[in-house]
Amino acid sequence: MTALRTGITTGTCAAAAAKAAAMVLAGQTAPARVGLVLPEGQAIEVPILYARSAAGGRAVAAVRKDAGDDPDVTDGLDIVVTVWPAAGAEMEFFAGEGVGIVTKPGLQVPPGQPAINPVPRQMMAAAVAQVTSRPLAVEVAIPGGRAVAARTFNPRLGIVGGLSILGTTGIVRPYLRKAVQESLKCALDVAAACGVRRPALVPGRIGAKAARSHFALHDEQLIEVGNEWGYVLDIARGYPFAAMLVAGHPGKLAKLAAGDWDTHSARSAGALGVLGKVWRQVRGCPLPASPTVEGVFAALRPSGRKRLADALAARIRAAASERAGGGIPLAVFLANMAGEELGSDGDLSPWR
């Protein structure tokens, strides 16, 4: 099988453009490429489309988004960053053309702020700090982004005016289902060969981080399932596992309770409908209005939050147990984006 080409996130593009623009602002030669260190420690070089001075004591640079072999809607768009001296002592972020503004609570960025997620903000701050210690104002624009955003979930999430600047690793890894499933089978093979009898299954990095912070897990024990829950639960019955832990954010895992075993947003229903149904069953009233699962849980009082999470975990556990054939005891642990426990169902003691 030919290896698929990886790409870079919009956050990486923005960080590289910010660094190039900061170099020009500092009087340095406009670079053809800039070096970055990604959140997981990988060093890369990013080509710069252009970097030049702009009116009003500003500088501007651009990077063309390359998503590799992933069918990303932002592939080929220009990420344009303009920088100038900040008015205060901290870096400031602004949304330019084609970058959205957050209007509803529940996202990683509060209402009124540009839709630039925390990790890309950190990446831009780190990139600029390599050039100057002076605080800068940073405006990120994506020409054509407003039209492209209409094809994404942004309008439903209350992000108006354009796209979001995203990315947690800095790298876009292309999705090919057969390759993903082969990798997951290898991970389960390795786990079993290493003597793992109680694996922990998580959707991705958020779930993995939460699981590591709440449970005593070693590397082979932690399996990042991604969206392939049906596949993993189907083949898990063929391994000598004594129990399995399902852990992660309810925004992904709630879909299992509804029988959506491929949890990719393009191939499954949203989790909010599942939450609403569970809440009506346990409380008999509608959930607080929020465009995200994270926002729903944040809006509830602690007692209601735990009651909803426990009830949801019980339904996830029942559905996953049935899919896995009922022969392997399961436990479910739900955490929010900060990794804080929301609720659980089943015996968690084997992983403590």
Protein backbone atom coordinates (compact mmCIF):
# COMPACT_ATOMS: atom_id res chain seq x y z
CA MET A 1 0.00 0.00 0.00
CA THR A 2 1.39 3.42 -0.96
CA ALA A 3 1.87 5.68 2.04
CA LEU A 4 -0.43 8.69 2.06
CA ARG A 5 1.12 12.14 2.22
CA THR A 6 0.54 14.12 5.41
CA GLY A 7 -0.23 17.83 5.41
CA ILE A 8 -0.20 20.75 7.82
CA THR A 9 -3.06 22.27 9.80
CA THR A 10 -4.35 25.82 9.46
CA GLY A 11 -2.75 26.43 12.86
CA THR A 12 0.67 25.46 11.52
CA CYS A 13 0.14 27.66 8.47
CA ALA A 14 -0.79 30.61 10.68
CA ALA A 15 2.21 30.06 12.98
CA ALA A 16 4.62 29.95 10.04
CA ALA A 17 3.09 33.06 8.45
CA ALA A 18 3.16 34.88 11.79
CA LYS A 19 6.86 34.11 12.20
CA ALA A 20 7.67 35.26 8.66
CA ALA A 21 5.70 38.49 9.12
CA ALA A 22 7.41 39.13 12.47
CA MET A 23 10.79 38.72 10.79
CA VAL A 24 9.91 41.37 8.20
CA LEU A 25 8.55 43.67 10.90
CA ALA A 26 11.85 43.29 12.77
CA GLY A 27 13.78 44.38 9.68
CA GLN A 28 15.00 40.94 8.67
CA THR A 29 15.06 39.57 5.13
CA ALA A 30 11.78 38.08 3.97
CA PRO A 31 12.22 34.29 4.34
CA ALA A 32 11.41 31.69 1.72
CA ARG A 33 10.85 29.08 4.46
CA VAL A 34 10.58 29.15 8.24
CA GLY A 35 11.25 26.51 10.85
CA LEU A 36 8.68 25.52 13.47
CA VAL A 37 8.56 23.07 16.35
CA LEU A 38 5.15 21.41 16.46
CA PRO A 39 3.25 20.68 19.70
CA GLU A 40 4.52 17.08 19.84
CA GLY A 41 8.14 18.19 19.36
CA GLN A 42 8.54 17.57 15.62
CA ALA A 43 10.65 20.16 13.78
CA ILE A 44 9.45 21.11 10.30
CA GLU A 45 10.07 23.77 7.66
CA VAL A 46 7.12 25.53 6.04
CA PRO A 47 7.34 27.31 2.64
CA ILE A 48 6.29 30.96 2.72
CA LEU A 49 4.16 32.18 -0.18
CA TYR A 50 5.17 35.81 0.43
CA ALA A 51 6.32 38.08 3.26
CA ARG A 52 6.51 41.84 2.97
CA SER A 53 6.02 45.17 4.69
CA ALA A 54 2.54 46.68 4.75
CA ALA A 55 1.10 50.13 5.32
CA GLY A 56 0.86 51.57 8.80
CA GLY A 57 3.99 50.02 10.22
CA ARG A 58 2.75 46.46 9.66
CA ALA A 59 4.04 43.34 7.96
CA VAL A 60 2.14 40.55 6.23
CA ALA A 61 2.98 36.99 5.19
CA ALA A 62 1.07 34.05 3.76
CA VAL A 63 1.29 30.26 3.63
CA ARG A 64 -0.71 28.11 1.23
CA LYS A 65 -2.49 25.31 3.07
CA ASP A 66 -1.33 21.85 2.01
CA ALA A 67 -3.54 19.10 3.47
CA GLY A 68 -1.50 16.32 1.89
CA ASP A 69 -3.71 13.47 0.73
CA ASP A 70 -6.51 14.36 3.14
CA PRO A 71 -9.74 15.69 1.52
CA ASP A 72 -9.66 18.86 3.66
CA VAL A 73 -11.94 21.75 2.59
CA THR A 74 -9.15 24.22 3.41
CA ASP A 75 -6.60 22.58 1.10
CA GLY A 76 -5.07 25.15 -1.27
CA LEU A 77 -6.36 28.20 0.61
CA ASP A 78 -3.97 30.97 1.62
CA ILE A 79 -3.55 31.63 5.34
CA VAL A 80 -2.58 35.30 5.58
CA VAL A 81 -1.19 36.82 8.78
CA THR A 82 -0.63 40.51 9.42
CA VAL A 83 1.33 41.66 12.47
CA TRP A 84 1.98 45.01 14.13
CA PRO A 85 3.05 46.20 17.61
CA ALA A 86 0.41 45.36 20.21
CA ALA A 87 -1.16 48.13 22.27
CA GLY A 88 -0.75 46.16 25.51
CA ALA A 89 1.72 43.79 27.07
CA GLU A 90 0.22 40.60 25.60
CA MET A 91 -0.19 39.18 22.11
CA GLU A 92 -3.58 40.08 20.64
CA PHE A 93 -5.50 38.07 18.05
CA PHE A 94 -7.89 39.41 15.41
CA ALA A 95 -10.03 37.77 12.73
CA GLY A 96 -9.40 39.01 9.23
CA GLU A 97 -11.32 38.19 6.06
CA GLY A 98 -12.62 34.62 6.04
CA VAL A 99 -11.87 33.80 9.71
CA GLY A 100 -14.95 33.39 11.89
CA ILE A 101 -16.00 34.94 15.17
CA VAL A 102 -17.36 32.77 17.99
CA THR A 103 -20.88 33.82 19.01
CA LYS A 104 -22.05 31.01 21.30
CA PRO A 105 -20.65 29.48 24.51
CA GLY A 106 -19.35 25.94 24.74
CA LEU A 107 -16.39 26.12 22.37
CA GLN A 108 -12.71 26.28 23.32
CA VAL A 109 -12.76 30.02 22.60
CA PRO A 110 -15.27 32.33 24.34
CA PRO A 111 -17.94 34.33 22.47
CA GLY A 112 -16.69 37.49 20.81
CA GLN A 113 -13.25 36.06 20.10
CA PRO A 114 -11.78 35.09 16.72
CA ALA A 115 -12.23 31.38 16.01
CA ILE A 116 -8.54 30.67 16.58
CA ASN A 117 -8.21 27.67 18.86
CA PRO A 118 -5.86 27.59 21.88
CA VAL A 119 -3.14 25.38 20.38
CA PRO A 120 -2.75 27.51 17.21
CA ARG A 121 -2.59 30.60 19.45
CA GLN A 122 0.18 28.96 21.45
CA MET A 123 1.97 27.97 18.24
CA MET A 124 1.83 31.54 16.91
CA ALA A 125 3.06 32.96 20.21
CA ALA A 126 5.97 30.51 20.27
CA ALA A 127 6.86 31.19 16.63
CA VAL A 128 6.84 34.97 17.09
CA ALA A 129 8.87 34.66 20.31
CA GLN A 130 11.69 33.15 18.23
CA VAL A 131 11.91 36.48 16.44
CA THR A 132 11.08 39.14 19.02
CA SER A 133 10.15 39.53 22.67
CA ARG A 134 7.95 42.49 21.75
CA PRO A 135 4.18 41.73 22.04
CA LEU A 136 2.48 41.82 18.65
CA ALA A 137 -1.05 42.09 17.39
CA VAL A 138 -1.80 39.22 15.00
CA GLU A 139 -4.59 39.20 12.42
CA VAL A 140 -5.31 35.92 10.63
CA ALA A 141 -7.23 35.94 7.36
CA ILE A 142 -8.29 33.27 4.87
CA PRO A 143 -9.38 34.84 1.57
CA GLY A 144 -12.42 32.89 0.37
CA GLY A 145 -12.92 31.39 3.82
CA ARG A 146 -16.42 32.71 4.31
CA ALA A 147 -17.76 30.72 1.34
CA VAL A 148 -15.87 27.56 2.32
CA ALA A 149 -17.15 27.81 5.91
CA ALA A 150 -20.70 27.31 4.68
CA ARG A 151 -19.70 23.69 3.90
CA THR A 152 -18.47 23.04 7.44
CA PHE A 153 -20.06 22.73 10.90
CA ASN A 154 -19.12 26.32 11.77
CA PRO A 155 -22.55 27.87 11.11
CA ARG A 156 -24.18 25.25 13.36
CA LEU A 157 -21.64 25.95 16.09
CA GLY A 158 -22.31 29.68 16.05
CA ILE A 159 -19.04 30.62 14.33
CA VAL A 160 -19.95 33.39 11.90
CA GLY A 161 -18.03 34.99 9.08
CA GLY A 162 -15.61 32.26 8.14
CA LEU A 163 -13.43 29.31 9.04
CA SER A 164 -11.66 28.33 12.25
CA ILE A 165 -7.91 28.13 12.78
CA LEU A 166 -7.52 24.59 14.09
CA GLY A 167 -5.06 21.85 14.95
CA THR A 168 -3.77 20.07 18.03
CA THR A 169 -0.70 18.34 16.58
CA GLY A 170 0.10 20.68 13.69
CA ILE A 171 -0.06 17.82 11.19
CA VAL A 172 -2.96 16.65 9.00
CA ARG A 173 -2.96 12.87 8.76
CA PRO A 174 -4.95 11.59 5.77
CA TYR A 175 -7.83 9.27 6.46
CA LEU A 176 -7.94 5.93 4.65
CA ARG A 177 -10.27 3.51 6.37
CA LYS A 178 -8.55 0.26 5.43
CA ALA A 179 -5.16 1.58 6.55
CA VAL A 180 -6.65 2.84 9.83
CA GLN A 181 -8.25 -0.53 10.53
CA GLU A 182 -5.02 -2.37 9.77
CA SER A 183 -3.19 -0.08 12.20
CA LEU A 184 -5.79 -0.69 14.89
CA LYS A 185 -5.53 -4.46 14.48
CA CYS A 186 -1.76 -4.14 14.82
CA ALA A 187 -2.22 -2.12 18.02
CA LEU A 188 -4.49 -4.80 19.47
CA ASP A 189 -2.06 -7.54 18.37
CA VAL A 190 0.80 -5.75 20.12
CA ALA A 191 -1.26 -5.19 23.25
CA ALA A 192 -2.19 -8.86 23.48
CA ALA A 193 1.38 -9.97 22.75
CA CYS A 194 2.64 -7.70 25.54
CA GLY A 195 0.32 -9.35 28.02
CA VAL A 196 -2.34 -6.63 28.12
CA ARG A 197 -5.60 -8.09 29.40
CA ARG A 198 -7.45 -4.86 30.18
CA PRO A 199 -7.00 -2.36 27.33
CA ALA A 200 -8.30 1.20 27.46
CA LEU A 201 -10.02 2.37 24.28
CA VAL A 202 -10.12 6.12 23.60
CA PRO A 203 -11.22 8.22 20.58
CA GLY A 204 -8.00 10.27 20.36
CA ARG A 205 -5.61 12.62 22.14
CA ILE A 206 -8.19 14.25 24.44
CA GLY A 207 -9.41 10.87 25.65
CA ALA A 208 -5.86 9.53 25.94
CA LYS A 209 -4.78 12.47 28.08
CA ALA A 210 -7.80 12.11 30.36
CA ALA A 211 -7.32 8.36 30.67
CA ARG A 212 -3.66 8.75 31.59
CA SER A 213 -4.47 11.35 34.23
CA HIS A 214 -7.15 9.24 35.94
CA PHE A 215 -5.82 5.70 35.49
CA ALA A 216 -2.54 3.80 35.76
CA LEU A 217 -1.96 2.86 32.12
CA HIS A 218 1.11 1.83 30.16
CA ASP A 219 1.64 2.57 26.48
CA GLU A 220 0.56 -0.80 25.01
CA GLN A 221 -2.63 -0.69 27.08
CA LEU A 222 -3.93 2.53 25.50
CA ILE A 223 -5.60 2.12 22.10
CA GLU A 224 -6.60 5.24 20.12
CA VAL A 225 -9.64 4.01 18.20
CA GLY A 226 -10.38 7.23 16.30
CA ASN A 227 -13.78 6.73 14.66
CA GLU A 228 -13.55 2.95 14.14
CA TRP A 229 -15.49 1.77 17.18
CA GLY A 230 -17.53 -0.83 15.34
CA TYR A 231 -14.44 -2.43 13.85
CA VAL A 232 -12.52 -2.52 17.13
CA LEU A 233 -15.41 -3.86 19.20
CA ASP A 234 -16.11 -6.50 16.55
CA ILE A 235 -12.58 -7.89 16.55
CA ALA A 236 -11.91 -7.41 20.28
CA ARG A 237 -13.84 -10.58 21.07
CA GLY A 238 -11.05 -12.53 19.34
CA TYR A 239 -8.45 -11.43 21.88
CA PRO A 240 -7.86 -12.76 25.42
CA PHE A 241 -9.03 -9.55 27.08
CA ALA A 242 -10.47 -9.82 30.59
CA ALA A 243 -12.08 -6.35 30.51
CA MET A 244 -12.09 -3.15 28.45
CA LEU A 245 -12.30 0.50 29.43
CA VAL A 246 -13.96 2.98 27.05
CA ALA A 247 -12.84 6.50 27.98
CA GLY A 248 -13.11 9.93 26.41
CA HIS A 249 -15.25 12.95 25.67
CA PRO A 250 -19.03 12.45 25.44
CA GLY A 251 -19.09 14.43 22.19
CA LYS A 252 -17.68 11.34 20.51
CA LEU A 253 -18.72 8.51 22.78
CA ALA A 254 -22.40 9.49 23.05
CA LYS A 255 -22.76 8.42 19.42
CA LEU A 256 -22.12 4.81 20.45
CA ALA A 257 -25.28 4.87 22.55
CA ALA A 258 -27.21 5.69 19.38
CA GLY A 259 -25.61 2.83 17.44
CA ASP A 260 -23.28 5.05 15.38
CA TRP A 261 -20.14 2.91 15.32
CA ASP A 262 -18.27 5.13 12.87
CA THR A 263 -18.20 8.38 14.83
CA HIS A 264 -16.80 10.64 12.11
CA SER A 265 -18.91 13.80 11.98
CA ALA A 266 -19.63 13.30 8.27
CA ARG A 267 -20.85 9.75 8.81
CA SER A 268 -22.76 9.93 12.08
CA ALA A 269 -25.47 11.96 13.75
CA GLY A 270 -24.57 14.65 16.27
CA ALA A 271 -24.20 13.73 19.94
CA LEU A 272 -26.51 16.50 21.17
CA GLY A 273 -29.61 14.55 20.19
CA VAL A 274 -28.46 11.60 22.29
CA LEU A 275 -27.79 13.86 25.28
CA GLY A 276 -31.20 15.47 24.95
CA LYS A 277 -32.93 12.09 24.88
CA VAL A 278 -31.03 10.84 27.96
CA TRP A 279 -31.72 14.07 29.87
CA ARG A 280 -35.44 13.88 29.17
CA GLN A 281 -35.42 10.31 30.45
CA VAL A 282 -33.64 11.17 33.71
CA ARG A 283 -35.01 14.67 34.35
CA GLY A 284 -38.05 15.06 32.12
CA CYS A 285 -37.03 18.48 30.76
CA PRO A 286 -34.99 19.96 27.90
CA LEU A 287 -31.24 20.44 28.16
CA PRO A 288 -29.67 23.93 28.38
CA ALA A 289 -29.27 25.42 24.91
CA SER A 290 -25.72 25.06 23.58
CA PRO A 291 -24.20 24.28 20.18
CA THR A 292 -21.76 21.77 21.72
CA VAL A 293 -21.75 18.84 24.11
CA GLU A 294 -19.02 20.56 26.14
CA GLY A 295 -21.25 23.60 26.51
CA VAL A 296 -24.21 21.53 27.65
CA PHE A 297 -22.25 19.91 30.47
CA ALA A 298 -20.69 23.25 31.47
CA ALA A 299 -24.16 24.81 31.76
CA LEU A 300 -25.46 22.15 34.16
CA ARG A 301 -25.08 22.23 37.91
CA PRO A 302 -22.59 19.66 39.27
CA SER A 303 -25.32 17.27 40.44
CA GLY A 304 -27.12 17.40 37.09
CA ARG A 305 -23.82 17.13 35.20
CA LYS A 306 -22.91 13.90 36.98
CA ARG A 307 -26.41 12.49 36.69
CA LEU A 308 -26.44 13.06 32.93
CA ALA A 309 -22.90 11.71 32.47
CA ASP A 310 -23.56 8.58 34.54
CA ALA A 311 -26.78 7.86 32.66
CA LEU A 312 -25.08 8.44 29.33
CA ALA A 313 -22.14 6.23 30.34
CA ALA A 314 -24.57 3.43 31.24
CA ARG A 315 -26.15 3.59 27.79
CA ILE A 316 -22.76 3.68 26.06
CA ARG A 317 -21.65 0.69 28.10
CA ALA A 318 -24.77 -1.31 27.23
CA ALA A 319 -24.47 -0.59 23.52
CA ALA A 320 -20.71 -1.27 23.37
CA SER A 321 -21.07 -4.50 25.37
CA GLU A 322 -23.71 -5.75 22.96
CA ARG A 323 -21.58 -4.83 19.94
CA ALA A 324 -18.58 -6.66 21.47
CA GLY A 325 -20.64 -9.81 21.91
CA GLY A 326 -21.26 -9.51 25.63
CA GLY A 327 -18.34 -11.70 26.61
CA ILE A 328 -15.95 -8.98 27.82
CA PRO A 329 -16.84 -6.81 30.85
CA LEU A 330 -16.78 -3.12 29.94
CA ALA A 331 -16.55 0.11 31.91
CA VAL A 332 -17.10 3.63 30.58
CA PHE A 333 -15.45 6.83 31.79
CA LEU A 334 -16.45 10.27 30.47
CA ALA A 335 -14.34 13.43 30.75
CA ASN A 336 -14.65 17.01 29.53
CA MET A 337 -12.17 18.85 27.30
CA ALA A 338 -10.04 19.72 30.33
CA GLY A 339 -9.80 16.04 31.26
CA GLU A 340 -12.03 16.41 34.32
CA GLU A 341 -14.27 13.48 35.21
CA LEU A 342 -17.93 13.91 34.24
CA GLY A 343 -19.28 10.47 35.07
CA SER A 344 -18.86 6.73 34.58
CA ASP A 345 -20.51 3.34 34.57
CA GLY A 346 -19.09 -0.08 35.41
CA ASP A 347 -16.15 -1.23 37.54
CA LEU A 348 -13.17 1.10 37.03
CA SER A 349 -10.98 -0.53 39.67
CA PRO A 350 -8.94 -2.73 37.26
CA TRP A 351 -7.41 0.44 35.75
CA ARG A 352 -6.86 2.42 38.97
